[in-house]
Amino acid sequence: MHGFRFNTPPGWPAPPPGWTPPTGWVPDPSWPAAPAGWAFWVPDETPAPTSAAAPAPAAEPMEAPPGTEAIAEPAPIPIARHAAPQEPETAPSVGADAAAPVSTESSRVRELEAEVEALRRQLAEANSRPNATRPVGDDFVELDDARLLQQVGIYHYHHPLENTELYRERLAELREQVKEMVKAGNAIEASDKFSYNNSLALGRRMTADFSKLMLRAYNAEADNCVRSLRAGALPAATKRLETAAGTIARLGKMMEMRVSPDYHAVRITELELTADYLFKQQEEREAAREERERLREERKAEQELAQQREKLDKERAHYANTLAALRAQGADADLADVEARLAELDAAIELNDFRAANIRAGYVYVISNVGAFGDRVVKIGMTRRLEPMDRIRELGDASVPFPFDVHALYFSDDAVTLENELHKAFGERRLNRVNERREFFFATPEQVRAVLAEKVGNLLEYAATPDAEQYYQSLSSWPADARTSAKP
């Protein structure tokens, strides 16, 4: 094209003087894309724009430096789509017609720059929000314990031991191992070929000093992780310690300095054991509390049974004296009623003695609390109390807003086994999957009734629908938004 020359974009190899693209020519895919609005043909009198980033002219494309990976770029648009009209003998006029495309391209560039600026502002606003979601990278540490607990669900022990005492002994052994590794110089790895002022001796001394400094920083972070560790926060503490080890490796790269992988593994094991110890300690406290509650319940049952036996003995003695007096008087007509009452008292005394001797006998109860847990949650438990409703009234104390409704009270000679079978049948529907001593289940009273009937046969009394009188009476006086959210 006379009067014009081909203008290579930044990063493309410079063509020989006077070279023009032949028909159908396209750039090499390895070349960078041309900037938006780039003019491929410029008049001869206009010097071609240059870029500081452009490589030295060469016949072949520049190769990537060793050890680096080429970044994939979109394939450049064929130059033929941007070329001037093919008029081989006549140079295109540089006037209003040529200025119009340039003005259009400039406007498009300004529009794109405005869009980029708007996107940058949106990104800055999103990052400035306190609850903004940010990607988890190497330097980001998740510290939200509640979120971590939701992520991991049920806790699984990394080093399962029987009790907290065994965990304490294992932690003591591990800490001694940490001390031995530090004394032996196996905690930090560093190059012994680093020189300072052309002196290997000075370089080794500097490396030793920096190793102590880095180890002190790492141990301080590890000790803080152990001291501040709470049940369920192990992933956050582990990530925090791994970030500290990575930072030391990055800062000590020149001296090839890093925390020894073996030493880091020992400190991670210390974190895991500490987390296991905290969970085991929590489980033992909960088990002790449940055991104290069970013993209190048994003592109450024993006291009630002893009081009932004393009451029955007094009543039986009274009727026995009455029977003796009637016989002495010869009032045979009244003897039958007194003897029948004595037989009832003897049966009651026998049952009372059986329950006192058999600790597995008691009542299995199925109760619900619509106002507190909804209409699809039930509690399945057992009590040895003489009057089981006393136990249910205790459960509905000030800790819940409404009293419990009773669906079933079933007396069994082996209430412990029956309760365990019901718990097993609804084991996958527990509310609390961590502490299985919590006896609440996602189930309706009808579902429990079907399983209970399979275990014991026909049920004479079972209330499938809860009364929930206080709840329904209170519901009409609640605020509108509370009524909507509280609908079963």
Protein backbone atom coordinates (compact mmCIF):
# COMPACT_ATOMS: atom_id res chain seq x y z
CA MET A 1 0.00 0.00 0.00
CA HIS A 2 1.61 3.21 -1.10
CA GLY A 3 1.88 5.91 1.55
CA PHE A 4 1.19 3.55 4.47
CA ARG A 5 3.24 1.13 6.48
CA PHE A 6 2.33 -1.78 8.75
CA ASN A 7 2.43 -0.80 12.46
CA THR A 8 3.31 -3.76 14.75
CA PRO A 9 1.68 -3.79 18.23
CA PRO A 10 3.84 -3.95 21.41
CA GLY A 11 5.41 -7.36 21.95
CA TRP A 12 5.35 -8.41 18.29
CA PRO A 13 8.65 -8.91 16.43
CA ALA A 14 9.54 -6.04 14.14
CA PRO A 15 9.12 -6.95 10.42
CA PRO A 16 11.76 -6.23 7.80
CA PRO A 17 11.59 -2.74 6.25
CA GLY A 18 8.84 -2.46 3.66
CA TRP A 19 7.17 -5.73 4.68
CA THR A 20 3.39 -5.95 4.32
CA PRO A 21 1.17 -8.84 5.40
CA PRO A 22 0.29 -11.14 2.52
CA THR A 23 -3.30 -12.09 1.84
CA GLY A 24 -4.69 -14.46 4.51
CA TRP A 25 -1.83 -13.84 6.92
CA VAL A 26 -2.61 -14.10 10.67
CA PRO A 27 -0.28 -13.42 13.62
CA ASP A 28 1.37 -16.19 15.61
CA PRO A 29 -0.93 -17.34 18.49
CA SER A 30 1.98 -17.05 20.93
CA TRP A 31 2.19 -13.28 20.38
CA PRO A 32 0.35 -11.00 22.81
CA ALA A 33 -3.01 -9.57 21.78
CA ALA A 34 -2.99 -6.12 20.21
CA PRO A 35 -4.27 -3.31 22.45
CA ALA A 36 -7.89 -2.27 21.94
CA GLY A 37 -8.22 0.23 19.08
CA TRP A 38 -4.69 -0.38 17.78
CA ALA A 39 -4.03 1.15 14.30
CA PHE A 40 -2.33 -1.49 12.18
CA TRP A 41 -1.74 0.89 9.22
CA VAL A 42 -0.24 4.34 9.69
CA PRO A 43 1.01 6.91 7.17
CA ASP A 44 4.69 6.73 6.33
CA GLU A 45 5.36 10.19 7.71
CA THR A 46 3.96 9.22 11.14
CA PRO A 47 6.46 7.39 13.34
CA ALA A 48 5.19 4.06 14.60
CA PRO A 49 4.31 4.01 18.35
CA THR A 50 6.76 2.11 20.44
CA SER A 51 6.37 0.41 23.80
CA ALA A 52 8.91 -0.01 26.54
CA ALA A 53 7.65 -3.53 26.94
CA ALA A 54 8.35 -4.48 23.30
CA PRO A 55 11.27 -6.82 22.79
CA ALA A 56 14.24 -6.20 20.58
CA PRO A 57 13.50 -6.72 16.85
CA ALA A 58 13.87 -10.29 15.83
CA ALA A 59 12.74 -12.53 13.05
CA GLU A 60 11.27 -15.07 15.46
CA PRO A 61 8.85 -14.55 18.41
CA MET A 62 10.47 -14.10 21.80
CA GLU A 63 10.63 -17.20 23.99
CA ALA A 64 9.51 -17.23 27.64
CA PRO A 65 12.34 -17.10 30.20
CA PRO A 66 13.39 -20.49 31.60
CA GLY A 67 11.38 -21.59 34.63
CA THR A 68 8.32 -19.51 33.78
CA GLU A 69 5.02 -20.49 32.24
CA ALA A 70 3.47 -18.56 29.41
CA ILE A 71 0.18 -16.91 30.31
CA ALA A 72 -2.57 -17.87 27.91
CA GLU A 73 -3.89 -14.91 25.94
CA PRO A 74 -6.93 -14.79 23.66
CA ALA A 75 -6.02 -15.41 20.02
CA PRO A 76 -5.36 -12.11 18.22
CA ILE A 77 -7.86 -10.99 15.64
CA PRO A 78 -6.55 -11.52 12.10
CA ILE A 79 -4.97 -8.39 10.76
CA ALA A 80 -6.98 -8.67 7.58
CA ARG A 81 -10.06 -7.55 9.57
CA HIS A 82 -8.30 -4.31 10.56
CA ALA A 83 -6.43 -3.69 7.31
CA ALA A 84 -7.10 -0.72 5.06
CA PRO A 85 -9.09 -1.30 1.86
CA GLN A 86 -7.05 -3.09 -0.79
CA GLU A 87 -6.15 -0.35 -3.22
CA PRO A 88 -2.67 -1.31 -4.35
CA GLU A 89 -1.98 1.66 -6.57
CA THR A 90 -3.74 4.51 -4.77
CA ALA A 91 -2.97 5.60 -1.22
CA PRO A 92 -6.09 6.22 0.89
CA SER A 93 -6.79 9.83 1.62
CA VAL A 94 -6.10 11.02 5.13
CA GLY A 95 -9.01 13.31 5.78
CA ALA A 96 -12.41 13.33 7.47
CA ASP A 97 -13.13 9.77 6.33
CA ALA A 98 -9.95 8.49 7.97
CA ALA A 99 -10.48 10.53 11.16
CA ALA A 100 -13.94 9.11 11.78
CA PRO A 101 -12.76 5.54 12.61
CA VAL A 102 -10.03 6.96 14.85
CA SER A 103 -12.59 9.05 16.75
CA THR A 104 -14.87 6.02 17.12
CA GLU A 105 -12.05 3.87 18.47
CA SER A 106 -11.04 6.60 20.94
CA SER A 107 -14.62 6.83 22.21
CA ARG A 108 -14.73 3.08 22.67
CA VAL A 109 -11.48 3.18 24.64
CA ARG A 110 -12.89 5.88 26.93
CA GLU A 111 -16.05 3.81 27.49
CA LEU A 112 -14.00 0.73 28.42
CA GLU A 113 -11.84 2.77 30.80
CA ALA A 114 -15.00 4.09 32.49
CA GLU A 115 -16.34 0.53 32.88
CA VAL A 116 -13.06 -0.63 34.40
CA GLU A 117 -13.10 2.24 36.87
CA ALA A 118 -16.70 1.45 37.86
CA LEU A 119 -15.80 -2.21 38.44
CA ARG A 120 -12.86 -1.18 40.59
CA ARG A 121 -15.12 0.98 42.75
CA GLN A 122 -17.59 -1.89 43.17
CA LEU A 123 -14.77 -4.24 44.19
CA ALA A 124 -13.47 -1.72 46.73
CA GLU A 125 -16.96 -1.29 48.22
CA ALA A 126 -17.46 -5.07 48.44
CA ASN A 127 -14.11 -5.57 50.20
CA SER A 128 -14.87 -2.76 52.65
CA ARG A 129 -18.02 -4.49 53.96
CA PRO A 130 -17.46 -6.28 57.32
CA ASN A 131 -19.25 -9.44 56.18
CA ALA A 132 -17.82 -9.49 52.70
CA THR A 133 -16.98 -12.91 51.37
CA ARG A 134 -13.31 -13.14 50.58
CA PRO A 135 -11.45 -16.04 48.98
CA VAL A 136 -9.47 -18.22 51.33
CA GLY A 137 -5.82 -17.96 50.35
CA ASP A 138 -2.54 -18.82 51.94
CA ASP A 139 -2.65 -15.76 54.19
CA PHE A 140 -6.33 -16.00 55.16
CA VAL A 141 -7.14 -17.75 58.46
CA GLU A 142 -10.72 -18.77 59.28
CA LEU A 143 -11.41 -17.76 62.90
CA ASP A 144 -15.21 -18.16 63.05
CA ASP A 145 -15.59 -21.11 65.45
CA ALA A 146 -19.34 -21.43 64.89
CA ARG A 147 -18.85 -21.65 61.12
CA LEU A 148 -16.07 -24.20 61.55
CA LEU A 149 -18.28 -26.35 63.78
CA GLN A 150 -21.00 -26.26 61.13
CA GLN A 151 -18.48 -27.27 58.48
CA VAL A 152 -16.97 -30.21 60.33
CA GLY A 153 -20.21 -31.45 61.90
CA ILE A 154 -19.52 -34.21 64.43
CA TYR A 155 -16.04 -34.10 65.90
CA HIS A 156 -13.76 -37.03 65.07
CA TYR A 157 -10.78 -37.71 67.31
CA HIS A 158 -7.38 -37.54 65.64
CA HIS A 159 -5.70 -39.56 68.41
CA PRO A 160 -8.47 -41.44 70.24
CA LEU A 161 -7.60 -42.27 73.83
CA GLU A 162 -9.80 -43.50 76.66
CA ASN A 163 -9.77 -40.56 79.06
CA THR A 164 -8.30 -37.12 79.72
CA GLU A 165 -5.53 -38.52 81.92
CA LEU A 166 -4.10 -40.46 78.99
CA TYR A 167 -4.26 -37.31 76.87
CA ARG A 168 -2.36 -35.37 79.52
CA GLU A 169 0.35 -38.03 79.63
CA ARG A 170 0.64 -38.09 75.83
CA LEU A 171 0.85 -34.28 75.70
CA ALA A 172 3.62 -34.29 78.32
CA GLU A 173 5.59 -36.81 76.23
CA LEU A 174 5.07 -34.73 73.11
CA ARG A 175 6.30 -31.55 74.78
CA GLU A 176 9.44 -33.35 75.89
CA GLN A 177 9.95 -34.40 72.28
CA VAL A 178 9.62 -30.75 71.21
CA LYS A 179 12.31 -29.73 73.70
CA GLU A 180 14.65 -32.47 72.54
CA MET A 181 14.27 -31.46 68.89
CA VAL A 182 15.05 -27.83 69.74
CA LYS A 183 18.13 -28.82 71.78
CA ALA A 184 19.38 -31.05 68.97
CA GLY A 185 19.00 -28.24 66.42
CA ASN A 186 16.41 -30.15 64.40
CA ALA A 187 13.68 -27.52 64.57
CA ILE A 188 14.96 -25.13 61.86
CA GLU A 189 16.63 -26.07 58.59
CA ALA A 190 19.00 -23.54 56.95
CA SER A 191 21.82 -23.44 54.43
CA ASP A 192 25.39 -23.70 55.75
CA LYS A 193 26.80 -22.26 52.51
CA PHE A 194 25.49 -18.73 52.98
CA SER A 195 28.29 -16.18 53.14
CA TYR A 196 28.35 -12.66 54.51
CA ASN A 197 31.01 -10.20 53.35
CA ASN A 198 32.58 -13.10 51.44
CA SER A 199 32.95 -15.02 54.74
CA LEU A 200 31.31 -18.40 55.30
CA ALA A 201 31.96 -18.14 59.04
CA LEU A 202 30.08 -14.84 59.28
CA GLY A 203 27.37 -16.31 57.08
CA ARG A 204 26.93 -19.32 59.36
CA ARG A 205 26.82 -17.07 62.41
CA MET A 206 24.16 -14.89 60.79
CA THR A 207 22.20 -17.97 59.75
CA ALA A 208 22.34 -19.33 63.31
CA ASP A 209 21.12 -16.02 64.76
CA PHE A 210 18.28 -15.75 62.28
CA SER A 211 17.34 -19.40 62.89
CA LYS A 212 16.94 -18.67 66.62
CA LEU A 213 14.84 -15.61 65.82
CA MET A 214 12.61 -17.50 63.38
CA LEU A 215 12.22 -20.42 65.81
CA ARG A 216 11.28 -18.05 68.61
CA ALA A 217 8.61 -16.48 66.40
CA TYR A 218 7.28 -19.88 65.29
CA ASN A 219 7.20 -21.29 68.83
CA ALA A 220 5.42 -18.17 70.09
CA GLU A 221 2.74 -18.66 67.44
CA ALA A 222 2.48 -22.38 68.20
CA ASP A 223 2.16 -21.75 71.96
CA ASN A 224 -0.50 -19.10 71.35
CA CYS A 225 -2.43 -21.56 69.18
CA VAL A 226 -2.30 -24.19 71.93
CA ARG A 227 -3.24 -21.81 74.76
CA SER A 228 -6.12 -20.17 72.87
CA LEU A 229 -7.43 -23.40 71.33
CA ARG A 230 -11.08 -24.12 72.02
CA ALA A 231 -13.17 -27.17 71.27
CA GLY A 232 -14.06 -27.10 67.58
CA ALA A 233 -11.44 -24.50 66.52
CA LEU A 234 -8.70 -26.92 65.43
CA PRO A 235 -8.90 -26.08 61.68
CA ALA A 236 -8.37 -22.38 62.41
CA ALA A 237 -5.42 -23.06 64.73
CA THR A 238 -3.82 -25.47 62.24
CA LYS A 239 -4.20 -22.98 59.40
CA ARG A 240 -2.71 -20.27 61.57
CA LEU A 241 0.37 -22.36 62.38
CA GLU A 242 0.81 -23.46 58.76
CA THR A 243 0.67 -19.81 57.71
CA ALA A 244 3.42 -18.99 60.23
CA ALA A 245 5.62 -21.80 58.86
CA GLY A 246 5.00 -20.63 55.28
CA THR A 247 5.87 -17.04 56.18
CA ILE A 248 9.16 -18.12 57.76
CA ALA A 249 10.04 -20.16 54.67
CA ARG A 250 9.26 -17.18 52.43
CA LEU A 251 11.26 -14.69 54.49
CA GLY A 252 14.21 -17.08 54.88
CA LYS A 253 14.33 -18.09 51.23
CA MET A 254 17.70 -16.40 50.66
CA MET A 255 19.29 -18.50 53.42
CA GLU A 256 17.21 -21.58 52.46
CA MET A 257 15.71 -21.36 55.94
CA ARG A 258 12.47 -23.05 56.96
CA VAL A 259 10.84 -24.82 59.87
CA SER A 260 11.73 -28.49 59.81
CA PRO A 261 8.80 -30.56 58.47
CA ASP A 262 9.30 -33.08 61.31
CA TYR A 263 9.22 -30.33 63.93
CA HIS A 264 6.17 -28.74 62.32
CA ALA A 265 4.44 -32.14 62.27
CA VAL A 266 5.11 -32.56 66.00
CA ARG A 267 3.60 -29.15 66.77
CA ILE A 268 0.56 -29.97 64.61
CA THR A 269 0.17 -33.24 66.53
CA GLU A 270 0.31 -31.22 69.75
CA LEU A 271 -2.56 -29.09 68.48
CA GLU A 272 -4.59 -32.17 67.54
CA LEU A 273 -4.00 -33.80 70.91
CA THR A 274 -4.95 -30.60 72.70
CA ALA A 275 -8.18 -30.38 70.70
CA ASP A 276 -8.94 -34.04 71.44
CA TYR A 277 -8.18 -33.43 75.12
CA LEU A 278 -10.60 -30.47 75.24
CA PHE A 279 -13.36 -32.50 73.62
CA LYS A 280 -12.73 -35.50 75.87
CA GLN A 281 -12.78 -33.19 78.88
CA GLN A 282 -16.08 -31.73 77.71
CA GLU A 283 -17.53 -35.22 77.19
CA GLU A 284 -16.44 -36.35 80.65
CA ARG A 285 -17.96 -33.27 82.28
CA GLU A 286 -21.20 -33.89 80.40
CA ALA A 287 -21.16 -37.58 81.34
CA ALA A 288 -20.54 -36.69 84.98
CA ARG A 289 -23.44 -34.23 84.92
CA GLU A 290 -25.71 -36.85 83.36
CA GLU A 291 -24.58 -39.41 85.92
CA ARG A 292 -25.34 -37.00 88.78
CA GLU A 293 -28.77 -36.41 87.27
CA ARG A 294 -29.36 -40.15 86.98
CA LEU A 295 -28.32 -40.73 90.59
CA ARG A 296 -30.60 -37.93 91.79
CA GLU A 297 -33.45 -39.48 89.82
CA GLU A 298 -32.74 -42.89 91.33
CA ARG A 299 -32.55 -41.48 94.86
CA LYS A 300 -35.89 -39.75 94.36
CA ALA A 301 -37.39 -42.98 93.07
CA GLU A 302 -36.00 -44.95 96.01
CA GLN A 303 -37.30 -42.38 98.47
CA GLU A 304 -40.73 -42.42 96.87
CA LEU A 305 -40.83 -46.22 96.85
CA ALA A 306 -39.73 -46.34 100.51
CA GLN A 307 -42.37 -43.79 101.49
CA GLN A 308 -44.99 -45.70 99.50
CA ARG A 309 -44.00 -48.97 101.20
CA GLU A 310 -44.34 -47.32 104.61
CA LYS A 311 -47.74 -45.95 103.65
CA LEU A 312 -48.92 -49.35 102.35
CA ASP A 313 -47.68 -51.10 105.49
CA LYS A 314 -49.64 -48.71 107.72
CA GLU A 315 -52.77 -49.09 105.63
CA ARG A 316 -52.44 -52.87 105.59
CA ALA A 317 -51.97 -52.97 109.36
CA HIS A 318 -55.12 -50.89 109.75
CA TYR A 319 -57.18 -53.25 107.58
CA ALA A 320 -55.68 -56.29 109.27
CA ASN A 321 -56.77 -54.95 112.65
CA THR A 322 -60.22 -54.20 111.24
CA LEU A 323 -60.51 -57.72 109.87
CA ALA A 324 -59.55 -59.22 113.23
CA ALA A 325 -62.12 -57.05 115.02
CA LEU A 326 -64.90 -58.03 112.60
CA ARG A 327 -64.14 -61.70 113.08
CA ALA A 328 -64.21 -61.27 116.85
CA GLN A 329 -67.60 -59.57 116.58
CA GLY A 330 -68.91 -62.23 114.19
CA ALA A 331 -69.76 -59.67 111.49
CA ASP A 332 -69.26 -62.04 108.61
CA ALA A 333 -71.11 -59.79 106.12
CA ASP A 334 -68.39 -57.14 106.18
CA LEU A 335 -65.45 -59.54 106.00
CA ALA A 336 -65.46 -59.83 102.18
CA ASP A 337 -64.84 -56.10 101.56
CA VAL A 338 -62.02 -55.94 104.07
CA GLU A 339 -60.38 -59.08 102.73
CA ALA A 340 -60.59 -57.72 99.15
CA ARG A 341 -58.90 -54.52 100.25
CA LEU A 342 -56.19 -56.49 102.02
CA ALA A 343 -55.57 -58.46 98.80
CA GLU A 344 -55.18 -55.19 96.86
CA LEU A 345 -52.73 -53.87 99.43
CA ASP A 346 -50.70 -57.10 99.29
CA ALA A 347 -50.48 -56.80 95.48
CA ALA A 348 -49.41 -53.14 95.74
CA ILE A 349 -46.73 -54.03 98.31
CA GLU A 350 -45.44 -56.81 96.06
CA LEU A 351 -45.23 -54.44 93.04
CA ASN A 352 -43.56 -51.79 95.16
CA ASP A 353 -40.94 -54.27 96.38
CA PHE A 354 -40.37 -55.48 92.81
CA ARG A 355 -39.73 -51.94 91.55
CA ALA A 356 -37.42 -51.22 94.46
CA ALA A 357 -35.39 -54.35 93.74
CA ASN A 358 -35.43 -54.11 89.94
CA ILE A 359 -33.62 -50.93 88.86
CA ARG A 360 -34.54 -51.53 85.20
CA ALA A 361 -38.27 -51.28 85.82
CA GLY A 362 -39.97 -47.95 85.20
CA TYR A 363 -42.01 -45.81 82.83
CA VAL A 364 -41.03 -45.00 79.23
CA TYR A 365 -42.51 -41.66 78.27
CA VAL A 366 -43.05 -39.89 74.93
CA ILE A 367 -43.55 -36.14 75.30
CA SER A 368 -43.44 -33.04 73.08
CA ASN A 369 -43.40 -29.27 73.39
CA VAL A 370 -44.88 -27.57 70.31
CA GLY A 371 -44.24 -24.07 71.60
CA ALA A 372 -40.55 -24.75 72.24
CA PHE A 373 -39.52 -27.25 69.53
CA GLY A 374 -42.35 -27.44 66.99
CA ASP A 375 -44.71 -30.25 66.12
CA ARG A 376 -42.05 -32.56 64.65
CA VAL A 377 -39.81 -32.99 67.69
CA VAL A 378 -40.39 -35.45 70.56
CA LYS A 379 -38.47 -36.49 73.66
CA ILE A 380 -38.24 -40.20 74.46
CA GLY A 381 -37.04 -41.04 77.95
CA MET A 382 -37.67 -43.19 81.01
CA THR A 383 -38.15 -42.66 84.72
CA ARG A 384 -38.28 -44.94 87.75
CA ARG A 385 -40.30 -42.45 89.75
CA LEU A 386 -43.40 -43.72 91.49
CA GLU A 387 -45.38 -40.90 89.88
CA PRO A 388 -43.89 -40.32 86.38
CA MET A 389 -45.75 -37.04 85.91
CA ASP A 390 -43.55 -35.53 88.62
CA ARG A 391 -40.54 -36.09 86.39
CA ILE A 392 -42.30 -34.64 83.33
CA ARG A 393 -43.33 -31.54 85.27
CA GLU A 394 -39.70 -31.10 86.31
CA LEU A 395 -38.62 -31.23 82.64
CA GLY A 396 -41.10 -28.46 81.86
CA ASP A 397 -39.59 -26.01 84.35
CA ALA A 398 -38.37 -22.48 83.60
CA SER A 399 -35.90 -23.70 80.94
CA VAL A 400 -38.73 -24.02 78.38
CA PRO A 401 -41.57 -21.52 77.82
CA PHE A 402 -44.41 -24.09 77.91
CA PRO A 403 -45.05 -27.37 79.73
CA PHE A 404 -44.56 -30.67 77.94
CA ASP A 405 -47.50 -32.62 76.53
CA VAL A 406 -47.60 -36.35 77.28
CA HIS A 407 -48.31 -38.76 74.43
CA ALA A 408 -47.54 -42.02 76.22
CA LEU A 409 -46.58 -43.37 79.66
CA TYR A 410 -45.79 -47.06 79.37
CA PHE A 411 -44.67 -49.12 82.37
CA SER A 412 -42.17 -51.87 81.55
CA ASP A 413 -40.28 -54.39 83.65
CA ASP A 414 -37.26 -53.54 81.48
CA ALA A 415 -37.78 -49.88 80.70
CA VAL A 416 -34.05 -49.38 80.10
CA THR A 417 -34.01 -51.81 77.16
CA LEU A 418 -37.24 -50.46 75.72
CA GLU A 419 -35.92 -46.90 75.87
CA ASN A 420 -32.67 -47.95 74.16
CA GLU A 421 -34.58 -49.70 71.37
CA LEU A 422 -36.64 -46.59 70.69
CA HIS A 423 -33.53 -44.43 70.70
CA LYS A 424 -31.88 -46.82 68.24
CA ALA A 425 -34.94 -46.77 65.96
CA PHE A 426 -34.76 -42.96 65.71
CA GLY A 427 -30.97 -42.69 66.01
CA GLU A 428 -30.57 -41.05 62.60
CA ARG A 429 -33.08 -38.36 63.57
CA ARG A 430 -31.41 -37.05 66.72
CA LEU A 431 -31.30 -33.30 67.22
CA ASN A 432 -27.98 -33.43 69.06
CA ARG A 433 -25.56 -35.62 67.11
CA VAL A 434 -22.65 -34.90 69.45
CA ASN A 435 -24.16 -35.67 72.88
CA GLU A 436 -26.36 -38.73 72.47
CA ARG A 437 -27.62 -38.41 76.04
CA ARG A 438 -29.92 -35.65 74.78
CA GLU A 439 -33.13 -37.56 74.06
CA PHE A 440 -34.79 -35.28 71.49
CA PHE A 441 -35.62 -36.60 68.01
CA PHE A 442 -37.03 -35.27 64.74
CA ALA A 443 -40.20 -37.36 64.73
CA THR A 444 -43.94 -36.98 65.09
CA PRO A 445 -45.90 -38.65 67.91
CA GLU A 446 -47.54 -40.92 65.30
CA GLN A 447 -44.15 -42.19 64.12
CA VAL A 448 -43.12 -43.01 67.69
CA ARG A 449 -46.45 -44.70 68.31
CA ALA A 450 -45.91 -47.06 65.35
CA VAL A 451 -42.45 -48.10 66.57
CA LEU A 452 -43.58 -48.44 70.20
CA ALA A 453 -46.50 -50.64 69.15
CA GLU A 454 -44.08 -52.94 67.30
CA LYS A 455 -42.01 -53.32 70.47
CA VAL A 456 -44.74 -53.83 73.08
CA GLY A 457 -47.84 -54.81 71.10
CA ASN A 458 -51.15 -52.98 71.34
CA LEU A 459 -51.19 -49.64 73.17
CA LEU A 460 -54.32 -48.89 75.18
CA GLU A 461 -53.56 -45.22 75.75
CA TYR A 462 -51.69 -42.94 73.35
CA ALA A 463 -52.39 -39.27 72.62
CA ALA A 464 -51.29 -38.55 69.06
CA THR A 465 -52.24 -34.86 69.13
CA PRO A 466 -50.73 -32.58 71.79
CA ASP A 467 -53.02 -30.27 73.75
CA ALA A 468 -50.48 -27.41 74.01
CA GLU A 469 -53.12 -25.25 75.72
CA GLN A 470 -50.79 -22.54 76.98
CA TYR A 471 -49.07 -22.30 73.60
CA TYR A 472 -52.25 -21.89 71.55
CA GLN A 473 -53.73 -19.48 74.08
CA SER A 474 -50.58 -17.37 73.96
CA LEU A 475 -50.19 -17.53 70.17
CA SER A 476 -53.13 -15.21 69.51
CA SER A 477 -51.52 -12.46 71.59
CA TRP A 478 -48.09 -12.63 69.94
CA PRO A 479 -46.84 -10.00 67.48
CA ALA A 480 -47.69 -10.72 63.84
CA ASP A 481 -44.10 -11.46 62.83
CA ALA A 482 -43.66 -13.83 65.80
CA ARG A 483 -46.84 -15.73 64.92
CA THR A 484 -45.63 -16.20 61.34
CA SER A 485 -42.23 -17.54 62.35
CA ALA A 486 -43.66 -19.76 65.10
CA LYS A 487 -46.16 -21.67 62.95
CA PRO A 488 -45.50 -25.43 63.29
